[in-house]
Amino acid sequence: MIRPHKYMDLKLSIFNLSYIIIHKLKEKNKYPYEDLYRSVSREIEEEGLMELFNLSLTFLYALGKIHYNKDLDVVELLL
C-alpha cells in the first residue's frame, strides 16, 4: 500500500523501506540490485516484499535521491 492508514504496519511502509535503502546506500554508495534487495529482505522478512521494495526504489528515484545504472544493474545514491 502506498498511502499509510491506521491499520497498516508502519514497518512495511514505503517511507520506512526508503529509509532502510538510503541507510544501506550510505554504507556503500553503489549496490547491485539483487544484493540491495537481499540486504533489505534480511531486515524485513515479509511476504510480498519485492513489490514494496520496487515501489520504494521508484519513490526514491522520483525524488532524485538514487540513480539506477541499467548496464551494470547497480543502484547508487545521489545525495
Protein backbone atom coordinates (compact mmCIF):
# COMPACT_ATOMS: atom_id res chain seq x y z
CA MET A 1 0.00 0.00 0.00
CA ILE A 2 1.42 3.35 -0.96
CA ARG A 3 -0.56 5.56 1.42
CA PRO A 4 -0.40 4.64 5.10
CA HIS A 5 -3.59 4.10 7.06
CA LYS A 6 -4.31 3.44 10.72
CA TYR A 7 -4.34 -0.35 10.35
CA MET A 8 -1.08 -0.53 8.41
CA ASP A 9 2.10 -1.91 9.89
CA LEU A 10 4.41 1.10 9.53
CA LYS A 11 7.41 -1.22 9.30
CA LEU A 12 6.08 -2.15 5.86
CA SER A 13 5.50 1.39 4.60
CA ILE A 14 7.31 2.80 1.58
CA PHE A 15 8.78 5.51 3.78
CA ASN A 16 10.38 3.01 6.15
CA LEU A 17 11.72 0.88 3.29
CA SER A 18 13.08 4.02 1.61
CA TYR A 19 14.86 4.91 4.84
CA ILE A 20 16.42 1.44 5.02
CA ILE A 21 17.51 1.63 1.36
CA ILE A 22 19.14 5.04 1.88
CA HIS A 23 20.84 3.76 5.03
CA LYS A 24 22.25 0.77 3.10
CA LEU A 25 23.40 3.01 0.25
CA LYS A 26 25.16 5.37 2.68
CA GLU A 27 27.26 2.44 3.90
CA LYS A 28 28.25 1.52 0.36
CA ASN A 29 27.48 4.10 -2.34
CA LYS A 30 26.71 1.59 -5.10
CA TYR A 31 24.80 -1.65 -4.66
CA PRO A 32 23.87 -4.26 -7.24
CA TYR A 33 20.07 -4.50 -7.36
CA GLU A 34 19.87 -8.12 -6.14
CA ASP A 35 22.36 -7.53 -3.32
CA LEU A 36 20.41 -4.48 -2.14
CA TYR A 37 17.16 -6.46 -2.17
CA ARG A 38 18.74 -9.32 -0.21
CA SER A 39 20.17 -6.90 2.32
CA VAL A 40 16.79 -5.23 2.87
CA SER A 41 14.96 -8.56 2.99
CA ARG A 42 17.25 -9.72 5.82
CA GLU A 43 15.99 -6.80 7.91
CA ILE A 44 12.33 -7.12 6.95
CA GLU A 45 11.16 -10.68 6.44
CA GLU A 46 7.75 -10.27 4.85
CA GLU A 47 5.74 -11.94 2.11
CA GLY A 48 5.42 -9.67 -0.94
CA LEU A 49 8.41 -7.51 -0.04
CA MET A 50 9.57 -7.32 -3.67
CA GLU A 51 6.61 -5.12 -4.67
CA LEU A 52 7.17 -2.73 -1.75
CA PHE A 53 10.90 -2.70 -2.46
CA ASN A 54 10.31 -1.71 -6.08
CA LEU A 55 7.79 0.98 -5.07
CA SER A 56 10.33 2.37 -2.60
CA LEU A 57 13.02 2.49 -5.29
CA THR A 58 10.57 4.27 -7.60
CA PHE A 59 9.76 6.75 -4.83
CA LEU A 60 13.46 7.48 -4.21
CA TYR A 61 14.15 7.76 -7.95
CA ALA A 62 11.26 10.23 -8.38
CA LEU A 63 12.70 12.35 -5.55
CA GLY A 64 16.11 12.32 -7.27
CA LYS A 65 17.85 10.51 -4.41
CA ILE A 66 19.03 7.44 -6.33
CA HIS A 67 20.12 6.53 -9.83
CA TYR A 68 19.83 3.13 -11.50
CA ASN A 69 22.57 2.16 -13.93
CA LYS A 70 20.89 -0.26 -16.32
CA ASP A 71 24.11 -1.51 -17.91
CA LEU A 72 25.70 -2.53 -14.59
CA ASP A 73 22.40 -3.30 -12.78
CA VAL A 74 23.54 -1.03 -9.94
CA VAL A 75 21.61 1.36 -7.68
CA GLU A 76 23.62 4.36 -6.49
CA LEU A 77 22.96 7.14 -4.02
CA LEU A 78 22.93 10.73 -5.33
CA LEU A 79 22.90 12.65 -2.03
